[in-house]
């Protein structure tokens, strides 16, 4: 695996970096020098080690950590869906009310 592939691998599994930073690195990866790629790889490699250690510690403390994350995400998506449905309902009710006015 060459350096670019390794960087992309780290970026794809990273949980910490901002999405815009990831997008910027991915879009400019072909324009970077070998030294720049090496520097980015070193930073990402270190970040990956730290991220792994943090997750391992979190799992020792809370073995159901990923299950809880999944539940929380499901709740968030459900609430978002309900909010969208409520907006649609309000639009439909307003249109119906407007039809009965005429």
Protein backbone atom coordinates (compact mmCIF):
# COMPACT_ATOMS: atom_id res chain seq x y z
CA UNK A 1 0.00 0.00 0.00
CA UNK A 2 1.55 3.31 -0.99
CA UNK A 3 1.49 6.43 1.15
CA UNK A 4 -1.58 7.94 -0.56
CA UNK A 5 -3.56 4.73 -0.02
CA UNK A 6 -2.53 4.60 3.62
CA UNK A 7 -3.60 8.21 4.13
CA UNK A 8 -6.97 7.56 2.49
CA UNK A 9 -7.39 4.46 4.65
CA UNK A 10 -6.79 6.49 7.82
CA UNK A 11 -9.12 9.25 6.65
CA UNK A 12 -11.91 6.78 5.92
CA UNK A 13 -11.81 5.24 9.39
CA UNK A 14 -11.14 8.43 11.34
CA UNK A 15 -13.73 9.52 13.92
CA UNK A 16 -12.07 12.70 15.12
CA UNK A 17 -11.15 14.90 12.18
CA UNK A 18 -13.56 17.47 10.84
CA UNK A 19 -15.26 16.38 7.60
CA UNK A 20 -14.03 19.51 5.81
CA UNK A 21 -10.42 18.71 6.68
CA UNK A 22 -10.85 15.16 5.40
CA UNK A 23 -12.44 16.47 2.21
CA UNK A 24 -9.62 18.98 1.71
CA UNK A 25 -6.90 16.36 2.16
CA UNK A 26 -8.65 13.93 -0.19
CA UNK A 27 -9.12 16.57 -2.88
CA UNK A 28 -5.50 17.75 -2.78
CA UNK A 29 -3.73 14.44 -2.13
CA UNK A 30 -2.49 14.12 -5.72
CA UNK A 31 -0.88 17.56 -5.58
CA UNK A 32 1.14 16.97 -2.42
CA UNK A 33 4.86 16.31 -2.37
CA UNK A 34 6.31 13.14 -0.86
CA UNK A 35 7.43 15.09 2.21
CA UNK A 36 3.95 16.54 2.68
CA UNK A 37 2.40 13.10 2.30
CA UNK A 38 4.85 11.70 4.84
CA UNK A 39 3.99 14.47 7.31
CA UNK A 40 0.26 13.91 6.89
CA UNK A 41 0.74 10.16 7.24
CA UNK A 42 2.72 10.59 10.46
CA UNK A 43 0.05 12.83 11.97
CA UNK A 44 -2.78 10.50 10.90
CA UNK A 45 -0.93 7.44 12.14
CA UNK A 46 -0.41 9.05 15.55
CA UNK A 47 -4.02 10.19 15.65
CA UNK A 48 -5.18 6.69 14.76
CA UNK A 49 -3.15 5.16 17.61
CA UNK A 50 -4.60 7.66 20.06
CA UNK A 51 -8.13 7.14 18.75
CA UNK A 52 -7.73 3.38 19.12
CA UNK A 53 -6.45 3.72 22.70
CA UNK A 54 -9.33 6.00 23.65
CA UNK A 55 -11.88 3.59 22.19
CA UNK A 56 -10.27 0.63 23.94
CA UNK A 57 -10.41 2.48 27.27
CA UNK A 58 -14.01 3.50 26.64
CA UNK A 59 -14.94 -0.11 25.89
CA UNK A 60 -13.29 -1.30 29.10
CA UNK A 61 -15.32 1.25 31.01
CA UNK A 62 -18.54 0.77 29.02
CA UNK A 63 -18.64 -2.52 27.06
CA UNK A 64 -21.94 -1.50 25.43
CA UNK A 65 -20.49 1.81 24.17
CA UNK A 66 -21.12 1.13 20.45
CA UNK A 67 -24.61 -0.17 21.18
CA UNK A 68 -25.37 3.06 23.05
CA UNK A 69 -23.97 5.14 20.18
CA UNK A 70 -26.21 3.21 17.77
CA UNK A 71 -29.26 3.72 20.00
CA UNK A 72 -28.53 7.44 20.35
CA UNK A 73 -28.08 7.79 16.60
CA UNK A 74 -31.34 5.93 15.97
CA UNK A 75 -33.17 8.24 18.37
CA UNK A 76 -31.67 11.29 16.68
CA UNK A 77 -32.69 10.04 13.22
CA UNK A 78 -36.18 9.18 14.49
CA UNK A 79 -36.63 12.67 15.99
CA UNK A 80 -35.38 14.26 12.78
CA UNK A 81 -37.85 12.16 10.78
CA UNK A 82 -40.73 13.15 13.09
CA UNK A 83 -39.82 16.85 12.72
CA UNK A 84 -39.84 16.52 8.92
CA UNK A 85 -43.20 14.73 9.05
CA UNK A 86 -44.62 17.48 11.25
CA UNK A 87 -43.49 20.14 8.76
CA UNK A 88 -45.15 18.20 5.94
CA UNK A 89 -48.32 17.87 8.03
CA UNK A 90 -48.40 21.63 8.68
CA UNK A 91 -48.00 22.37 4.97
CA UNK A 92 -50.81 19.97 4.06
CA UNK A 93 -53.09 21.38 6.76
CA UNK A 94 -52.41 24.93 5.57
CA UNK A 95 -53.25 23.95 1.97
CA UNK A 96 -56.47 22.24 3.09
CA UNK A 97 -57.45 25.27 5.17
CA UNK A 98 -56.77 27.50 2.17
CA UNK A 99 -58.99 25.30 -0.05
CA UNK A 100 -61.89 25.57 2.41
CA UNK A 101 -61.57 29.36 2.55
CA UNK A 102 -62.34 29.54 -1.19
